[in-house]
């Protein structure tokens, strides 16, 4: 009897000790109340749909608004990925990890609590353009911010939507839009339609001729200015101190001058002007190299021309500029304009004739798109022109029809890429840098250490 009592007492003691131990250990053994959704889960969702709203952030964007954004992106056939995440989501290397897990070339935008930022593969949208797009929507609420960003991004970026979204097809690989177009053409036959097409073609040809003549005035001014630069340089291949590198620079500059004149003489369509200004840009850079060699200075970095007037030559730095009624953006500037801006003065802007008088080229109409595109190729133009008259016009489908190029055509041979599956083989520098509502910690420098949480 006493033995049984002792046994029960011992069991009760052991049970009490076990309960005490469990009480102490339970908090560390129990799972967290709300674990963050893994990056791989978000990436898997984005491979199937362009907009992901985390369950913990469902109050930020309604299901219908998310669906509207997703439909807009799919219809545009662009590789834009949007994620809406809760404020406490871990931000360390977030863009890089998401891009790696998704494995698709594109533009990635994240709304995290009340902060917003974006990164892109440079083949889809350059860093400066991403910076400017983010800056223009800083401070807006989630719905307005994502809507405005999407509208601007889709008109600026290049690339195609990933096939996993299943957009624009009837299920057999045939684009639905193409079927509709073919059907419409077949139905709209007859002599009346033919006459209308002929009238439209004549009108279009007349408008293109007028646009070429408008451009010819500006381009001839550029060619003349470049010829004067060659004369002022007063370089002679046989002069004392001249070496083979100097002579090669001078020869390239002369070739560019002659090429620009020949190309302009043959221009019949507005989009052909782009080749002329490309040649002039090449020539001015060769002159800048030659001048540096003669003066014993370091060779200049290959940069875009001065945004305010390409005749100023290659830019030397980027500076913040805010157009009237527009958002601040980083633009390439020459040394003289950089000094003017730093002193609070207006830069020396390239103005052209319009029906309303002399205006800066970016406020002068769509005809100047090809002219600017030749100078600011390689994808830089979209970010520079966001919110300007020219930028708005170039974003319309009619612009591509009338002037032969939209933003995506400025990427050089082959244009922009995007939407392709590339796994982890991409430039991680495109996705590194500081996260936060428009604060890029150095005017668009995305090359930082990948810490998205710094400073917050």
Protein backbone atom coordinates (compact mmCIF):
# COMPACT_ATOMS: atom_id res chain seq x y z
CA UNK A 1 0.00 0.00 0.00
CA UNK A 2 2.74 2.41 1.00
CA UNK A 3 4.68 1.38 -2.11
CA UNK A 4 1.70 2.22 -4.34
CA UNK A 5 1.31 5.63 -2.69
CA UNK A 6 4.96 6.36 -3.19
CA UNK A 7 4.69 5.37 -6.87
CA UNK A 8 1.66 7.64 -7.44
CA UNK A 9 3.43 10.52 -5.68
CA UNK A 10 6.49 10.03 -7.87
CA UNK A 11 4.36 9.98 -11.01
CA UNK A 12 2.58 13.17 -9.96
CA UNK A 13 5.97 14.82 -9.34
CA UNK A 14 7.29 13.74 -12.74
CA UNK A 15 4.13 15.00 -14.42
CA UNK A 16 4.45 18.37 -12.68
CA UNK A 17 8.09 18.64 -13.72
CA UNK A 18 7.22 17.75 -17.33
CA UNK A 19 4.43 20.34 -17.38
CA UNK A 20 6.76 22.99 -16.03
CA UNK A 21 9.39 22.15 -18.63
CA UNK A 22 6.80 22.22 -21.41
CA UNK A 23 5.56 25.62 -20.24
CA UNK A 24 9.08 27.00 -20.44
CA UNK A 25 9.92 25.44 -23.81
CA UNK A 26 6.57 25.91 -25.59
CA UNK A 27 7.16 29.48 -26.93
CA UNK A 28 10.32 28.38 -28.71
CA UNK A 29 8.73 25.18 -30.02
CA UNK A 30 5.54 26.75 -31.31
CA UNK A 31 5.47 28.05 -34.92
CA UNK A 32 5.27 31.86 -35.42
CA UNK A 33 1.78 33.26 -35.46
CA UNK A 34 2.14 34.59 -39.02
CA UNK A 35 5.23 33.45 -40.95
CA UNK A 36 6.17 35.60 -43.96
CA UNK A 37 5.31 34.12 -47.34
CA UNK A 38 8.45 32.69 -48.89
CA UNK A 39 10.04 34.37 -51.89
CA UNK A 40 9.71 31.12 -53.82
CA UNK A 41 5.96 31.11 -53.22
CA UNK A 42 5.66 34.70 -54.47
CA UNK A 43 7.81 33.89 -57.49
CA UNK A 44 5.69 30.85 -58.36
CA UNK A 45 2.57 33.03 -58.21
CA UNK A 46 4.15 35.70 -60.43
CA UNK A 47 5.07 33.12 -63.04
CA UNK A 48 1.36 32.44 -63.39
CA UNK A 49 0.00 35.97 -62.98
CA UNK A 50 1.66 39.42 -63.13
CA UNK A 51 0.15 40.72 -59.87
CA UNK A 52 0.59 39.06 -56.48
CA UNK A 53 -1.08 40.37 -53.30
CA UNK A 54 0.12 38.73 -50.11
CA UNK A 55 -2.69 37.54 -47.81
CA UNK A 56 -1.23 39.71 -45.04
CA UNK A 57 -1.46 42.75 -47.35
CA UNK A 58 -4.92 42.10 -48.80
CA UNK A 59 -6.19 45.34 -47.29
CA UNK A 60 -3.83 47.36 -49.48
CA UNK A 61 -5.26 46.31 -52.85
CA UNK A 62 -8.65 44.77 -53.53
CA UNK A 63 -9.06 41.62 -55.55
CA UNK A 64 -10.86 43.50 -58.33
CA UNK A 65 -8.13 46.18 -58.53
CA UNK A 66 -5.44 43.50 -58.66
CA UNK A 67 -7.33 41.71 -61.44
CA UNK A 68 -7.67 44.95 -63.40
CA UNK A 69 -3.92 45.57 -63.18
CA UNK A 70 -3.16 42.00 -64.18
CA UNK A 71 -5.44 42.22 -67.22
CA UNK A 72 -3.86 45.50 -68.28
CA UNK A 73 -0.36 44.02 -68.07
CA UNK A 74 -1.34 40.84 -69.91
CA UNK A 75 -3.09 42.80 -72.67
CA UNK A 76 0.01 44.95 -73.11
CA UNK A 77 2.13 41.78 -73.43
CA UNK A 78 4.93 43.21 -71.27
CA UNK A 79 6.99 41.45 -68.54
CA UNK A 80 5.89 43.64 -65.63
CA UNK A 81 5.64 41.91 -62.23
CA UNK A 82 3.94 43.55 -59.24
CA UNK A 83 3.98 42.27 -55.66
CA UNK A 84 2.06 43.83 -52.75
CA UNK A 85 3.59 42.76 -49.43
CA UNK A 86 3.00 43.61 -45.75
CA UNK A 87 5.09 46.30 -44.07
CA UNK A 88 7.11 43.87 -41.97
CA UNK A 89 8.24 41.67 -44.85
CA UNK A 90 12.03 41.00 -44.80
CA UNK A 91 13.74 43.29 -47.31
CA UNK A 92 17.31 41.96 -47.40
CA UNK A 93 18.19 41.35 -51.09
CA UNK A 94 14.48 41.14 -51.81
CA UNK A 95 14.54 42.14 -55.47
CA UNK A 96 17.56 39.99 -56.27
CA UNK A 97 16.07 36.93 -54.57
CA UNK A 98 12.69 37.46 -56.22
CA UNK A 99 14.23 37.90 -59.67
CA UNK A 100 16.37 34.78 -59.16
CA UNK A 101 13.40 32.70 -57.98
CA UNK A 102 11.11 33.91 -60.75
CA UNK A 103 13.75 33.40 -63.41
CA UNK A 104 12.08 35.72 -65.92
CA UNK A 105 13.61 38.82 -67.49
CA UNK A 106 11.42 41.80 -66.70
CA UNK A 107 10.50 44.81 -64.56
CA UNK A 108 9.71 44.02 -60.90
CA UNK A 109 7.77 46.45 -58.69
CA UNK A 110 7.06 45.96 -54.98
CA UNK A 111 4.67 47.83 -52.72
CA UNK A 112 5.81 47.00 -49.20
CA UNK A 113 3.59 48.61 -46.59
CA UNK A 114 3.63 52.28 -47.52
CA UNK A 115 6.93 52.02 -49.42
CA UNK A 116 7.38 51.41 -53.12
CA UNK A 117 10.33 50.58 -55.32
CA UNK A 118 11.19 48.76 -58.54
CA UNK A 119 14.07 47.09 -60.36
CA UNK A 120 14.47 45.83 -63.91
CA UNK A 121 16.78 43.89 -66.16
CA UNK A 122 18.62 46.54 -68.15
CA UNK A 123 17.53 44.87 -71.39
CA UNK A 124 13.93 45.72 -70.44
CA UNK A 125 14.34 49.18 -68.92
CA UNK A 126 17.48 51.10 -67.95
CA UNK A 127 18.21 52.00 -64.34
CA UNK A 128 17.71 55.73 -64.87
CA UNK A 129 14.31 55.10 -66.43
CA UNK A 130 13.25 52.85 -63.53
CA UNK A 131 14.37 55.51 -61.06
CA UNK A 132 12.38 58.22 -62.82
CA UNK A 133 9.24 56.08 -63.08
CA UNK A 134 9.37 55.30 -59.36
CA UNK A 135 9.96 58.93 -58.45
CA UNK A 136 6.92 60.12 -60.40
CA UNK A 137 4.55 58.00 -58.26
CA UNK A 138 6.18 58.55 -54.86
CA UNK A 139 3.75 59.29 -52.03
CA UNK A 140 0.58 57.99 -53.68
CA UNK A 141 -1.75 55.45 -52.10
CA UNK A 142 -1.43 51.84 -53.17
CA UNK A 143 -4.15 51.75 -55.82
CA UNK A 144 -3.19 55.06 -57.46
CA UNK A 145 0.52 54.34 -57.22
CA UNK A 146 0.37 50.91 -58.81
CA UNK A 147 -2.05 52.11 -61.48
CA UNK A 148 0.05 55.15 -62.42
CA UNK A 149 3.27 53.15 -62.34
CA UNK A 150 1.76 50.45 -64.53
CA UNK A 151 0.49 52.97 -67.08
CA UNK A 152 3.89 54.64 -67.36
CA UNK A 153 5.90 51.44 -67.24
CA UNK A 154 3.94 49.70 -69.99
CA UNK A 155 4.51 52.60 -72.38
CA UNK A 156 8.21 52.85 -71.56
CA UNK A 157 9.48 49.31 -71.15
CA UNK A 158 10.40 46.71 -73.71
CA UNK A 159 10.16 42.95 -73.82
CA UNK A 160 7.30 40.49 -74.01
CA UNK A 161 5.17 38.77 -71.39
CA UNK A 162 6.25 35.26 -70.37
CA UNK A 163 4.44 32.45 -72.12
CA UNK A 164 3.32 31.06 -68.76
CA UNK A 165 0.74 33.86 -68.50
CA UNK A 166 -1.01 32.48 -71.57
CA UNK A 167 -1.82 35.91 -73.01
CA UNK A 168 -3.02 36.92 -76.43
CA UNK A 169 -3.61 33.42 -77.84
CA UNK A 170 -6.54 31.23 -78.73
CA UNK A 171 -4.84 28.21 -77.11
CA UNK A 172 -3.24 26.99 -80.33
CA UNK A 173 -0.46 29.55 -80.46
CA UNK A 174 -2.40 31.86 -82.79
CA UNK A 175 -2.75 35.44 -81.48
CA UNK A 176 -6.37 36.33 -80.97
CA UNK A 177 -5.73 39.89 -82.14
CA UNK A 178 -4.35 38.57 -85.43
CA UNK A 179 -7.47 36.47 -86.03
CA UNK A 180 -9.70 39.46 -85.38
CA UNK A 181 -7.64 41.63 -87.72
CA UNK A 182 -7.75 39.08 -90.53
CA UNK A 183 -11.49 38.72 -90.12
CA UNK A 184 -12.00 42.46 -90.24
CA UNK A 185 -9.94 42.79 -93.42
CA UNK A 186 -11.88 40.03 -95.14
CA UNK A 187 -15.21 41.62 -94.27
CA UNK A 188 -14.17 45.16 -95.17
CA UNK A 189 -13.71 44.56 -98.90
CA UNK A 190 -15.11 46.48 -101.83
CA UNK A 191 -14.32 49.49 -103.94
CA UNK A 192 -15.36 51.96 -101.23
CA UNK A 193 -12.84 50.58 -98.79
CA UNK A 194 -10.11 50.62 -101.41
CA UNK A 195 -10.76 54.30 -102.14
CA UNK A 196 -10.67 55.14 -98.43
CA UNK A 197 -7.38 53.31 -98.01
CA UNK A 198 -5.87 55.24 -100.91
CA UNK A 199 -6.96 58.58 -99.45
CA UNK A 200 -5.55 57.65 -96.07
CA UNK A 201 -2.27 56.61 -97.63
CA UNK A 202 -1.99 59.92 -99.49
CA UNK A 203 -2.77 61.85 -96.32
CA UNK A 204 -0.25 59.84 -94.37
CA UNK A 205 2.44 60.41 -97.00
CA UNK A 206 1.78 64.16 -96.96
CA UNK A 207 2.02 64.26 -93.17
CA UNK A 208 5.30 62.34 -93.27
CA UNK A 209 6.74 64.75 -95.85
CA UNK A 210 5.74 67.71 -93.67
CA UNK A 211 7.35 66.05 -90.65
CA UNK A 212 10.58 65.44 -92.60
CA UNK A 213 10.76 69.07 -93.65
CA UNK A 214 10.25 70.19 -90.06
CA UNK A 215 13.03 67.87 -88.95
CA UNK A 216 15.30 68.91 -91.81
CA UNK A 217 15.63 72.43 -90.39
CA UNK A 218 16.76 71.14 -86.99
CA UNK A 219 19.06 68.44 -88.34
CA UNK A 220 20.72 70.82 -90.80
CA UNK A 221 21.45 73.11 -87.85
CA UNK A 222 23.05 70.17 -86.05
CA UNK A 223 25.17 69.20 -89.05
CA UNK A 224 26.32 72.79 -89.53
CA UNK A 225 27.19 73.12 -85.84
CA UNK A 226 29.23 69.90 -86.00
CA UNK A 227 31.11 71.14 -89.06
CA UNK A 228 31.95 74.34 -87.20
CA UNK A 229 33.27 72.26 -84.29
CA UNK A 230 35.58 70.43 -86.68
CA UNK A 231 36.89 73.76 -87.97
CA UNK A 232 37.39 75.20 -84.48
CA UNK A 233 39.36 72.17 -83.43
CA UNK A 234 41.88 73.05 -86.16
CA UNK A 235 43.54 69.66 -86.08
CA UNK A 236 46.04 68.64 -88.76
CA UNK A 237 47.01 64.96 -88.99
CA UNK A 238 50.65 65.94 -89.64
CA UNK A 239 50.91 68.50 -86.85
CA UNK A 240 53.58 68.15 -84.20
CA UNK A 241 52.57 65.74 -81.45
CA UNK A 242 49.84 64.04 -83.48
CA UNK A 243 49.80 60.26 -83.10
CA UNK A 244 47.85 57.42 -84.68
CA UNK A 245 45.14 57.51 -82.01
CA UNK A 246 44.50 61.21 -82.64
CA UNK A 247 44.40 60.69 -86.37
CA UNK A 248 41.94 57.82 -85.93
CA UNK A 249 39.67 60.02 -83.78
CA UNK A 250 39.79 62.78 -86.37
CA UNK A 251 39.08 60.37 -89.22
CA UNK A 252 36.04 58.97 -87.39
CA UNK A 253 34.75 62.47 -86.78
CA UNK A 254 35.15 63.40 -90.45
CA UNK A 255 33.45 60.17 -91.52
CA UNK A 256 30.54 60.88 -89.17
CA UNK A 257 30.16 64.37 -90.63
CA UNK A 258 30.06 63.09 -94.20
CA UNK A 259 27.75 60.22 -93.25
CA UNK A 260 25.30 62.58 -91.54
CA UNK A 261 25.12 64.80 -94.62
CA UNK A 262 24.61 61.84 -96.96
CA UNK A 263 21.97 60.23 -94.79
CA UNK A 264 20.01 63.47 -94.40
CA UNK A 265 20.03 64.03 -98.15
CA UNK A 266 18.41 60.62 -98.59
CA UNK A 267 15.80 60.92 -95.83
CA UNK A 268 12.19 60.39 -96.97
CA UNK A 269 10.56 59.29 -93.70
CA UNK A 270 10.79 60.79 -90.20
CA UNK A 271 12.18 57.64 -88.63
CA UNK A 272 15.19 57.74 -90.98
CA UNK A 273 16.41 60.91 -89.24
CA UNK A 274 17.47 58.77 -86.30
CA UNK A 275 20.43 57.46 -88.31
CA UNK A 276 21.60 61.02 -88.95
CA UNK A 277 21.66 62.04 -85.30
CA UNK A 278 23.26 58.73 -84.35
CA UNK A 279 26.12 59.58 -86.72
CA UNK A 280 26.45 63.07 -85.24
CA UNK A 281 26.53 61.65 -81.71
CA UNK A 282 29.32 59.27 -82.73
CA UNK A 283 31.24 62.13 -84.34
CA UNK A 284 31.00 64.41 -81.31
CA UNK A 285 32.31 61.69 -79.04
CA UNK A 286 35.28 61.18 -81.38
CA UNK A 287 35.98 64.92 -81.21
CA UNK A 288 35.83 64.80 -77.40
CA UNK A 289 38.37 61.96 -77.42
CA UNK A 290 40.64 63.86 -79.79
CA UNK A 291 40.51 67.02 -77.67
CA UNK A 292 41.39 65.02 -74.54
CA UNK A 293 44.37 63.36 -76.23
CA UNK A 294 45.73 66.70 -77.51
CA UNK A 295 45.42 68.30 -74.08
CA UNK A 296 46.82 65.32 -72.17
CA UNK A 297 43.58 64.77 -70.23
CA UNK A 298 42.01 61.39 -69.36
CA UNK A 299 39.80 60.09 -72.13
CA UNK A 300 36.12 60.91 -71.60
CA UNK A 301 33.63 58.28 -70.50
CA UNK A 302 31.19 57.18 -73.19
CA UNK A 303 27.99 58.91 -72.10
CA UNK A 304 24.81 60.18 -73.68
CA UNK A 305 24.83 63.73 -75.07
CA UNK A 306 23.69 66.67 -72.96
CA UNK A 307 19.93 66.28 -72.58
CA UNK A 308 19.20 69.98 -72.92
CA UNK A 309 21.00 70.34 -76.25
CA UNK A 310 22.93 67.47 -77.88
CA UNK A 311 25.09 70.07 -79.64
CA UNK A 312 26.74 70.65 -76.25
CA UNK A 313 28.49 67.33 -76.76
CA UNK A 314 28.79 64.27 -74.49
CA UNK A 315 27.48 64.70 -70.97
CA UNK A 316 29.86 64.61 -68.03
CA UNK A 317 27.44 63.84 -65.20
CA UNK A 318 23.78 63.37 -64.29
CA UNK A 319 21.77 66.13 -62.63
CA UNK A 320 18.27 66.44 -61.21
CA UNK A 321 15.91 68.46 -63.38
CA UNK A 322 12.19 69.10 -63.02
CA UNK A 323 10.21 70.10 -66.12
CA UNK A 324 7.21 72.42 -65.72
CA UNK A 325 4.28 70.46 -64.26
CA UNK A 326 6.46 67.34 -64.18
CA UNK A 327 8.30 65.20 -61.67
CA UNK A 328 12.04 65.41 -60.95
CA UNK A 329 14.26 63.10 -62.96
CA UNK A 330 17.95 62.49 -63.56
CA UNK A 331 19.21 63.69 -66.95
CA UNK A 332 22.69 63.64 -68.52
CA UNK A 333 24.19 67.13 -68.70
CA UNK A 334 27.30 68.87 -69.97
CA UNK A 335 29.63 70.65 -67.54
CA UNK A 336 28.20 74.10 -68.32
CA UNK A 337 24.58 73.07 -67.74
CA UNK A 338 25.54 71.15 -64.59
CA UNK A 339 27.00 74.39 -63.21
CA UNK A 340 23.91 76.37 -64.18
CA UNK A 341 21.60 73.90 -62.46
CA UNK A 342 23.79 73.85 -59.33
CA UNK A 343 23.58 77.66 -59.23
CA UNK A 344 19.79 77.57 -59.52
CA UNK A 345 19.79 78.88 -63.09
CA UNK A 346 18.06 77.46 -66.16
CA UNK A 347 20.11 75.30 -68.53
CA UNK A 348 20.63 76.32 -72.14
CA UNK A 349 17.83 74.38 -73.82
CA UNK A 350 17.49 73.39 -77.46
CA UNK A 351 14.42 75.15 -78.82
CA UNK A 352 12.66 74.50 -82.12
CA UNK A 353 9.91 76.26 -84.06
CA UNK A 354 6.29 75.33 -83.35
CA UNK A 355 2.91 76.87 -84.14
CA UNK A 356 3.04 78.39 -80.65
CA UNK A 357 6.52 79.85 -81.14
CA UNK A 358 9.91 78.57 -80.04
CA UNK A 359 9.66 75.69 -77.58
CA UNK A 360 12.09 73.13 -76.06
CA UNK A 361 12.22 70.08 -78.30
CA UNK A 362 10.53 67.88 -75.69
CA UNK A 363 7.47 70.17 -75.80
CA UNK A 364 7.38 70.60 -79.58
CA UNK A 365 5.45 67.57 -80.82
CA UNK A 366 5.94 64.00 -81.95
CA UNK A 367 8.01 64.72 -85.05
CA UNK A 368 11.11 65.25 -82.91
CA UNK A 369 11.01 61.72 -81.47
CA UNK A 370 13.27 60.16 -84.14
CA UNK A 371 15.67 63.11 -83.86
CA UNK A 372 15.95 62.64 -80.08
CA UNK A 373 16.05 58.85 -80.40
CA UNK A 374 19.21 58.98 -82.50
CA UNK A 375 21.00 60.95 -79.81
CA UNK A 376 19.61 59.14 -76.78
CA UNK A 377 19.57 55.54 -77.95
CA UNK A 378 20.12 52.42 -75.88
CA UNK A 379 16.91 52.80 -73.90
CA UNK A 380 17.71 56.02 -72.01
CA UNK A 381 15.05 58.14 -73.74
CA UNK A 382 11.95 56.78 -71.95
CA UNK A 383 13.09 57.81 -68.51
CA UNK A 384 14.15 61.25 -69.69
CA UNK A 385 10.86 62.11 -71.38
CA UNK A 386 8.36 60.81 -68.80
CA UNK A 387 5.67 63.46 -68.30
CA UNK A 388 6.71 65.69 -71.23
CA UNK A 389 4.62 66.42 -74.32
CA UNK A 390 6.93 64.41 -76.56
CA UNK A 391 7.07 61.52 -74.10
CA UNK A 392 3.28 61.36 -73.86
CA UNK A 393 2.84 61.39 -77.62
CA UNK A 394 5.49 58.76 -78.22
CA UNK A 395 3.67 56.43 -75.83
CA UNK A 396 0.60 56.26 -78.08
CA UNK A 397 0.07 53.52 -80.68
CA UNK A 398 -0.51 56.16 -83.37
CA UNK A 399 3.00 57.48 -82.86
CA UNK A 400 4.56 54.15 -83.82
CA UNK A 401 2.37 54.05 -86.92
CA UNK A 402 3.21 57.60 -88.01
CA UNK A 403 6.86 57.90 -87.02
CA UNK A 404 8.07 54.35 -87.24
CA UNK A 405 9.25 53.82 -83.70
CA UNK A 406 8.16 53.70 -80.11
CA UNK A 407 10.34 53.59 -77.04
CA UNK A 408 11.26 49.97 -77.59
CA UNK A 409 13.01 50.78 -80.86
CA UNK A 410 15.72 52.84 -79.20
CA UNK A 411 17.58 49.85 -77.83
CA UNK A 412 19.86 49.47 -80.81
CA UNK A 413 19.87 46.43 -83.08
CA UNK A 414 17.22 44.05 -81.94
CA UNK A 415 15.62 46.55 -79.57
CA UNK A 416 14.59 45.58 -76.07
CA UNK A 417 14.40 42.06 -74.80
CA UNK A 418 12.40 40.62 -71.95
CA UNK A 419 9.95 38.03 -70.80
CA UNK A 420 12.32 35.18 -71.51
CA UNK A 421 13.17 32.62 -68.87
CA UNK A 422 16.76 33.17 -67.82
CA UNK A 423 17.00 31.50 -64.43
CA UNK A 424 19.62 33.03 -62.17
CA UNK A 425 21.83 34.03 -65.11
CA UNK A 426 21.29 37.79 -65.06
CA UNK A 427 23.07 40.95 -63.97
CA UNK A 428 22.35 41.13 -60.24
CA UNK A 429 23.56 44.73 -60.17
CA UNK A 430 20.34 45.68 -61.96
CA UNK A 431 18.43 44.57 -58.89
CA UNK A 432 20.68 45.71 -56.04
CA UNK A 433 20.37 48.97 -54.12
CA UNK A 434 18.27 50.58 -51.41
CA UNK A 435 14.56 49.90 -51.07
CA UNK A 436 12.18 52.70 -50.24
CA UNK A 437 9.61 55.08 -51.72
CA UNK A 438 11.68 56.74 -54.35
CA UNK A 439 14.80 57.11 -52.19
CA UNK A 440 17.56 55.48 -54.19
CA UNK A 441 20.36 56.81 -52.01
CA UNK A 442 22.50 58.39 -54.70
CA UNK A 443 20.37 59.52 -57.57
CA UNK A 444 19.63 56.20 -59.17
CA UNK A 445 22.76 54.29 -58.17
CA UNK A 446 21.55 50.70 -58.15
CA UNK A 447 24.99 49.25 -57.62
CA UNK A 448 24.92 49.22 -53.81
CA UNK A 449 25.37 46.26 -51.61
CA UNK A 450 21.92 44.84 -52.05
CA UNK A 451 20.65 45.85 -48.62
CA UNK A 452 17.05 46.91 -49.13
CA UNK A 453 16.46 47.68 -45.50
CA UNK A 454 19.08 50.31 -44.86
CA UNK A 455 17.97 53.66 -43.56
CA UNK A 456 14.49 52.58 -42.57
